[in-house]
Amino acid sequence: MSSPQTSAPLDPRLLSVLVCPVTKGPLIYDREAGELISRQAGLAFPIRDGIPVMLPEEARQIS
């Protein structure tokens, strides 16, 4: 399991323009887990080295 990236928080401007690539809906930034959450899609997209990985195949399923 990869460790969350906590040293480089996401730029709020970047977060304001990112949407879920599956639903085009809003994302929630989970700083502790180092993920962007799409509740509509039930996916958590990882943030690696301060960069969001917005590929559905890289996301983990959430309930």
PDB file of N, CA and C in Angstrom:
ATOM      1  N   MET A   1       0.847  -1.179   0.000  1.00  0.00           N
ATOM      2  CA  MET A   1       0.000   0.000   0.000  1.00  0.00           C
ATOM      3  C   MET A   1       0.886   1.233   0.000  1.00  0.00           C
ATOM      4  N   SER A   2       0.588   2.191  -0.865  1.00  0.00           N
ATOM      5  CA  SER A   2       1.428   3.377  -0.944  1.00  0.00           C
ATOM      6  C   SER A   2       1.107   4.329   0.192  1.00  0.00           C
ATOM      7  N   SER A   3       2.123   5.088   0.585  1.00  0.00           N
ATOM      8  CA  SER A   3       1.914   6.033   1.674  1.00  0.00           C
ATOM      9  C   SER A   3       1.291   7.306   1.143  1.00  0.00           C
ATOM     10  N   PRO A   4       0.414   7.927   1.922  1.00  0.00           N
ATOM     11  CA  PRO A   4      -0.230   9.153   1.466  1.00  0.00           C
ATOM     12  C   PRO A   4       0.770  10.293   1.368  1.00  0.00           C
ATOM     13  N   GLN A   5       0.526  11.182   0.448  1.00  0.00           N
ATOM     14  CA  GLN A   5       1.378  12.342   0.268  1.00  0.00           C
ATOM     15  C   GLN A   5       0.798  13.482   1.091  1.00  0.00           C
ATOM     16  N   THR A   6       1.462  13.824   2.198  1.00  0.00           N
ATOM     17  CA  THR A   6       0.931  14.872   3.047  1.00  0.00           C
ATOM     18  C   THR A   6       1.790  16.120   3.024  1.00  0.00           C
ATOM     19  N   SER A   7       3.011  16.050   2.494  1.00  0.00           N
ATOM     20  CA  SER A   7       3.906  17.193   2.552  1.00  0.00           C
ATOM     21  C   SER A   7       3.576  18.256   1.513  1.00  0.00           C
ATOM     22  N   ALA A   8       2.906  17.893   0.413  1.00  0.00           N
ATOM     23  CA  ALA A   8       2.579  18.854  -0.626  1.00  0.00           C
ATOM     24  C   ALA A   8       1.071  18.875  -0.844  1.00  0.00           C
ATOM     25  N   PRO A   9       0.355  19.737  -0.106  1.00  0.00           N
ATOM     26  CA  PRO A   9      -1.095  19.781  -0.280  1.00  0.00           C
ATOM     27  C   PRO A   9      -1.449  20.254  -1.688  1.00  0.00           C
ATOM     28  N   LEU A  10      -2.634  19.887  -2.115  1.00  0.00           N
ATOM     29  CA  LEU A  10      -3.093  20.294  -3.441  1.00  0.00           C
ATOM     30  C   LEU A  10      -3.371  21.784  -3.480  1.00  0.00           C
ATOM     31  N   ASP A  11      -3.039  22.375  -4.585  1.00  0.00           N
ATOM     32  CA  ASP A  11      -3.342  23.780  -4.826  1.00  0.00           C
ATOM     33  C   ASP A  11      -4.867  23.929  -4.902  1.00  0.00           C
ATOM     34  N   PRO A  12      -5.456  24.815  -4.117  1.00  0.00           N
ATOM     35  CA  PRO A  12      -6.915  24.995  -4.141  1.00  0.00           C
ATOM     36  C   PRO A  12      -7.448  25.338  -5.533  1.00  0.00           C
ATOM     37  N   ARG A  13      -6.656  26.031  -6.340  1.00  0.00           N
ATOM     38  CA  ARG A  13      -7.092  26.356  -7.707  1.00  0.00           C
ATOM     39  C   ARG A  13      -7.212  25.093  -8.543  1.00  0.00           C
ATOM     40  N   LEU A  14      -6.272  24.166  -8.361  1.00  0.00           N
ATOM     41  CA  LEU A  14      -6.330  22.900  -9.085  1.00  0.00           C
ATOM     42  C   LEU A  14      -7.553  22.105  -8.641  1.00  0.00           C
ATOM     43  N   LEU A  15      -7.750  22.046  -7.349  1.00  0.00           N
ATOM     44  CA  LEU A  15      -8.893  21.307  -6.809  1.00  0.00           C
ATOM     45  C   LEU A  15     -10.218  21.878  -7.320  1.00  0.00           C
ATOM     46  N   SER A  16     -10.275  23.176  -7.524  1.00  0.00           N
ATOM     47  CA  SER A  16     -11.528  23.799  -7.975  1.00  0.00           C
ATOM     48  C   SER A  16     -11.870  23.447  -9.418  1.00  0.00           C
ATOM     49  N   VAL A  17     -10.906  23.019 -10.227  1.00  0.00           N
ATOM     50  CA  VAL A  17     -11.200  22.693 -11.631  1.00  0.00           C
ATOM     51  C   VAL A  17     -11.258  21.195 -11.898  1.00  0.00           C
ATOM     52  N   LEU A  18     -10.776  20.377 -10.978  1.00  0.00           N
ATOM     53  CA  LEU A  18     -10.808  18.928 -11.175  1.00  0.00           C
ATOM     54  C   LEU A  18     -12.207  18.375 -10.955  1.00  0.00           C
ATOM     55  N   VAL A  19     -12.603  17.429 -11.794  1.00  0.00           N
ATOM     56  CA  VAL A  19     -13.858  16.706 -11.631  1.00  0.00           C
ATOM     57  C   VAL A  19     -13.568  15.224 -11.801  1.00  0.00           C
ATOM     58  N   CYS A  20     -14.498  14.410 -11.375  1.00  0.00           N
ATOM     59  CA  CYS A  20     -14.371  12.968 -11.541  1.00  0.00           C
ATOM     60  C   CYS A  20     -14.362  12.643 -13.038  1.00  0.00           C
ATOM     61  N   PRO A  21     -13.383  11.867 -13.511  1.00  0.00           N
ATOM     62  CA  PRO A  21     -13.354  11.530 -14.934  1.00  0.00           C
ATOM     63  C   PRO A  21     -14.471  10.576 -15.356  1.00  0.00           C
ATOM     64  N   VAL A  22     -15.110   9.919 -14.401  1.00  0.00           N
ATOM     65  CA  VAL A  22     -16.180   8.972 -14.709  1.00  0.00           C
ATOM     66  C   VAL A  22     -17.534   9.684 -14.757  1.00  0.00           C
ATOM     67  N   THR A  23     -17.841  10.462 -13.709  1.00  0.00           N
ATOM     68  CA  THR A  23     -19.164  11.089 -13.608  1.00  0.00           C
ATOM     69  C   THR A  23     -19.173  12.571 -13.965  1.00  0.00           C
ATOM     70  N   LYS A  24     -17.997  13.173 -14.049  1.00  0.00           N
ATOM     71  CA  LYS A  24     -17.845  14.636 -14.241  1.00  0.00           C
ATOM     72  C   LYS A  24     -18.395  15.405 -13.046  1.00  0.00           C
ATOM     73  N   GLY A  25     -18.566  14.709 -11.921  1.00  0.00           N
ATOM     74  CA  GLY A  25     -19.074  15.325 -10.700  1.00  0.00           C
ATOM     75  C   GLY A  25     -17.954  15.830  -9.809  1.00  0.00           C
ATOM     76  N   PRO A  26     -18.317  16.416  -8.668  1.00  0.00           N
ATOM     77  CA  PRO A  26     -17.338  17.010  -7.763  1.00  0.00           C
ATOM     78  C   PRO A  26     -16.479  15.955  -7.058  1.00  0.00           C
ATOM     79  N   LEU A  27     -15.308  16.416  -6.625  1.00  0.00           N
ATOM     80  CA  LEU A  27     -14.382  15.579  -5.867  1.00  0.00           C
ATOM     81  C   LEU A  27     -14.170  16.188  -4.492  1.00  0.00           C
ATOM     82  N   ILE A  28     -13.929  15.322  -3.516  1.00  0.00           N
ATOM     83  CA  ILE A  28     -13.652  15.752  -2.150  1.00  0.00           C
ATOM     84  C   ILE A  28     -12.211  15.384  -1.834  1.00  0.00           C
ATOM     85  N   TYR A  29     -11.445  16.354  -1.357  1.00  0.00           N
ATOM     86  CA  TYR A  29     -10.038  16.143  -1.033  1.00  0.00           C
ATOM     87  C   TYR A  29      -9.926  15.558   0.370  1.00  0.00           C
ATOM     88  N   ASP A  30      -9.398  14.343   0.461  1.00  0.00           N
ATOM     89  CA  ASP A  30      -9.124  13.707   1.751  1.00  0.00           C
ATOM     90  C   ASP A  30      -7.623  13.815   1.996  1.00  0.00           C
ATOM     91  N   ARG A  31      -7.236  14.855   2.732  1.00  0.00           N
ATOM     92  CA  ARG A  31      -5.819  15.135   2.963  1.00  0.00           C
ATOM     93  C   ARG A  31      -5.135  13.995   3.715  1.00  0.00           C
ATOM     94  N   GLU A  32      -5.795  13.441   4.728  1.00  0.00           N
ATOM     95  CA  GLU A  32      -5.190  12.367   5.526  1.00  0.00           C
ATOM     96  C   GLU A  32      -4.879  11.136   4.692  1.00  0.00           C
ATOM     97  N   ALA A  33      -5.818  10.757   3.821  1.00  0.00           N
ATOM     98  CA  ALA A  33      -5.630   9.560   2.995  1.00  0.00           C
ATOM     99  C   ALA A  33      -4.835   9.861   1.729  1.00  0.00           C
ATOM    100  N   GLY A  34      -4.691  11.143   1.385  1.00  0.00           N
ATOM    101  CA  GLY A  34      -3.991  11.507   0.162  1.00  0.00           C
ATOM    102  C   GLY A  34      -4.749  11.075  -1.075  1.00  0.00           C
ATOM    103  N   GLU A  35      -6.069  11.350  -1.063  1.00  0.00           N
ATOM    104  CA  GLU A  35      -6.933  10.913  -2.156  1.00  0.00           C
ATOM    105  C   GLU A  35      -7.959  11.980  -2.505  1.00  0.00           C
ATOM    106  N   LEU A  36      -8.459  11.879  -3.718  1.00  0.00           N
ATOM    107  CA  LEU A  36      -9.619  12.652  -4.137  1.00  0.00           C
ATOM    108  C   LEU A  36     -10.771  11.677  -4.265  1.00  0.00           C
ATOM    109  N   ILE A  37     -11.855  11.965  -3.568  1.00  0.00           N
ATOM    110  CA  ILE A  37     -12.991  11.053  -3.469  1.00  0.00           C
ATOM    111  C   ILE A  37     -14.116  11.511  -4.393  1.00  0.00           C
ATOM    112  N   SER A  38     -14.632  10.569  -5.177  1.00  0.00           N
ATOM    113  CA  SER A  38     -15.842  10.795  -5.965  1.00  0.00           C
ATOM    114  C   SER A  38     -16.930   9.925  -5.349  1.00  0.00           C
ATOM    115  N   ARG A  39     -17.821  10.548  -4.598  1.00  0.00           N
ATOM    116  CA  ARG A  39     -18.899   9.772  -3.958  1.00  0.00           C
ATOM    117  C   ARG A  39     -19.860   9.210  -4.997  1.00  0.00           C
ATOM    118  N   GLN A  40     -20.111   9.975  -6.067  1.00  0.00           N
ATOM    119  CA  GLN A  40     -21.032   9.514  -7.113  1.00  0.00           C
ATOM    120  C   GLN A  40     -20.525   8.239  -7.775  1.00  0.00           C
ATOM    121  N   ALA A  41     -19.227   8.170  -8.055  1.00  0.00           N
ATOM    122  CA  ALA A  41     -18.653   7.000  -8.728  1.00  0.00           C
ATOM    123  C   ALA A  41     -18.227   5.920  -7.736  1.00  0.00           C
ATOM    124  N   GLY A  42     -18.121   6.271  -6.443  1.00  0.00           N
ATOM    125  CA  GLY A  42     -17.642   5.315  -5.453  1.00  0.00           C
ATOM    126  C   GLY A  42     -16.175   4.988  -5.646  1.00  0.00           C
ATOM    127  N   LEU A  43     -15.392   6.027  -6.024  1.00  0.00           N
ATOM    128  CA  LEU A  43     -13.972   5.834  -6.290  1.00  0.00           C
ATOM    129  C   LEU A  43     -13.133   6.826  -5.504  1.00  0.00           C
ATOM    130  N   ALA A  44     -11.923   6.394  -5.158  1.00  0.00           N
ATOM    131  CA  ALA A  44     -10.939   7.254  -4.506  1.00  0.00           C
ATOM    132  C   ALA A  44      -9.705   7.286  -5.398  1.00  0.00           C
ATOM    133  N   PHE A  45      -9.390   8.466  -5.924  1.00  0.00           N
ATOM    134  CA  PHE A  45      -8.246   8.638  -6.812  1.00  0.00           C
ATOM    135  C   PHE A  45      -7.017   9.020  -5.990  1.00  0.00           C
ATOM    136  N   PRO A  46      -5.904   8.330  -6.176  1.00  0.00           N
ATOM    137  CA  PRO A  46      -4.713   8.612  -5.376  1.00  0.00           C
ATOM    138  C   PRO A  46      -4.041   9.918  -5.784  1.00  0.00           C
ATOM    139  N   ILE A  47      -3.313  10.481  -4.827  1.00  0.00           N
ATOM    140  CA  ILE A  47      -2.462  11.640  -5.100  1.00  0.00           C
ATOM    141  C   ILE A  47      -1.043  11.167  -4.832  1.00  0.00           C
ATOM    142  N   ARG A  48      -0.213  11.189  -5.864  1.00  0.00           N
ATOM    143  CA  ARG A  48       1.171  10.718  -5.747  1.00  0.00           C
ATOM    144  C   ARG A  48       2.124  11.870  -6.006  1.00  0.00           C
ATOM    145  N   ASP A  49       3.004  12.120  -5.058  1.00  0.00           N
ATOM    146  CA  ASP A  49       3.974  13.214  -5.163  1.00  0.00           C
ATOM    147  C   ASP A  49       3.291  14.550  -5.453  1.00  0.00           C
ATOM    148  N   GLY A  50       2.114  14.739  -4.837  1.00  0.00           N
ATOM    149  CA  GLY A  50       1.383  15.984  -4.994  1.00  0.00           C
ATOM    150  C   GLY A  50       0.594  16.097  -6.283  1.00  0.00           C
ATOM    151  N   ILE A  51       0.560  15.010  -7.077  1.00  0.00           N
ATOM    152  CA  ILE A  51      -0.137  15.025  -8.365  1.00  0.00           C
ATOM    153  C   ILE A  51      -1.304  14.048  -8.333  1.00  0.00           C
ATOM    154  N   PRO A  52      -2.526  14.527  -8.591  1.00  0.00           N
ATOM    155  CA  PRO A  52      -3.678  13.625  -8.630  1.00  0.00           C
ATOM    156  C   PRO A  52      -3.580  12.670  -9.823  1.00  0.00           C
ATOM    157  N   VAL A  53      -3.812  11.399  -9.573  1.00  0.00           N
ATOM    158  CA  VAL A  53      -3.829  10.392 -10.635  1.00  0.00           C
ATOM    159  C   VAL A  53      -5.302  10.125 -10.954  1.00  0.00           C
ATOM    160  N   MET A  54      -5.769  10.717 -12.037  1.00  0.00           N
ATOM    161  CA  MET A  54      -7.197  10.718 -12.346  1.00  0.00           C
ATOM    162  C   MET A  54      -7.588   9.612 -13.335  1.00  0.00           C
ATOM    163  N   LEU A  55      -6.944   8.475 -13.244  1.00  0.00           N
ATOM    164  CA  LEU A  55      -7.254   7.337 -14.107  1.00  0.00           C
ATOM    165  C   LEU A  55      -8.168   6.373 -13.361  1.00  0.00           C
ATOM    166  N   PRO A  56      -9.326   6.045 -13.925  1.00  0.00           N
ATOM    167  CA  PRO A  56     -10.239   5.134 -13.232  1.00  0.00           C
ATOM    168  C   PRO A  56      -9.596   3.802 -12.854  1.00  0.00           C
ATOM    169  N   GLU A  57      -8.677   3.300 -13.682  1.00  0.00           N
ATOM    170  CA  GLU A  57      -8.029   2.029 -13.365  1.00  0.00           C
ATOM    171  C   GLU A  57      -7.044   2.143 -12.201  1.00  0.00           C
ATOM    172  N   GLU A  58      -6.642   3.343 -11.829  1.00  0.00           N
ATOM    173  CA  GLU A  58      -5.750   3.566 -10.680  1.00  0.00           C
ATOM    174  C   GLU A  58      -6.538   3.830  -9.386  1.00  0.00           C
ATOM    175  N   ALA A  59      -7.829   4.105  -9.515  1.00  0.00           N
ATOM    176  CA  ALA A  59      -8.653   4.440  -8.346  1.00  0.00           C
ATOM    177  C   ALA A  59      -9.044   3.169  -7.604  1.00  0.00           C
ATOM    178  N   ARG A  60      -9.326   3.353  -6.311  1.00  0.00           N
ATOM    179  CA  ARG A  60      -9.818   2.219  -5.537  1.00  0.00           C
ATOM    180  C   ARG A  60     -11.316   2.406  -5.290  1.00  0.00           C
ATOM    181  N   GLN A  61     -12.009   1.272  -5.216  1.00  0.00           N
ATOM    182  CA  GLN A  61     -13.455   1.287  -4.941  1.00  0.00           C
ATOM    183  C   GLN A  61     -13.686   1.640  -3.475  1.00  0.00           C
ATOM    184  N   ILE A  62     -14.678   2.463  -3.221  1.00  0.00           N
ATOM    185  CA  ILE A  62     -15.077   2.775  -1.850  1.00  0.00           C
ATOM    186  C   ILE A  62     -16.570   2.486  -1.713  1.00  0.00           C
ATOM    187  N   SER A  63     -16.983   2.302  -0.474  1.00  0.00           N
ATOM    188  CA  SER A  63     -18.409   2.027  -0.258  1.00  0.00           C
ATOM    189  C   SER A  63     -19.133   3.248   0.249  1.00  0.00           C
TER     190      SER A  63
END
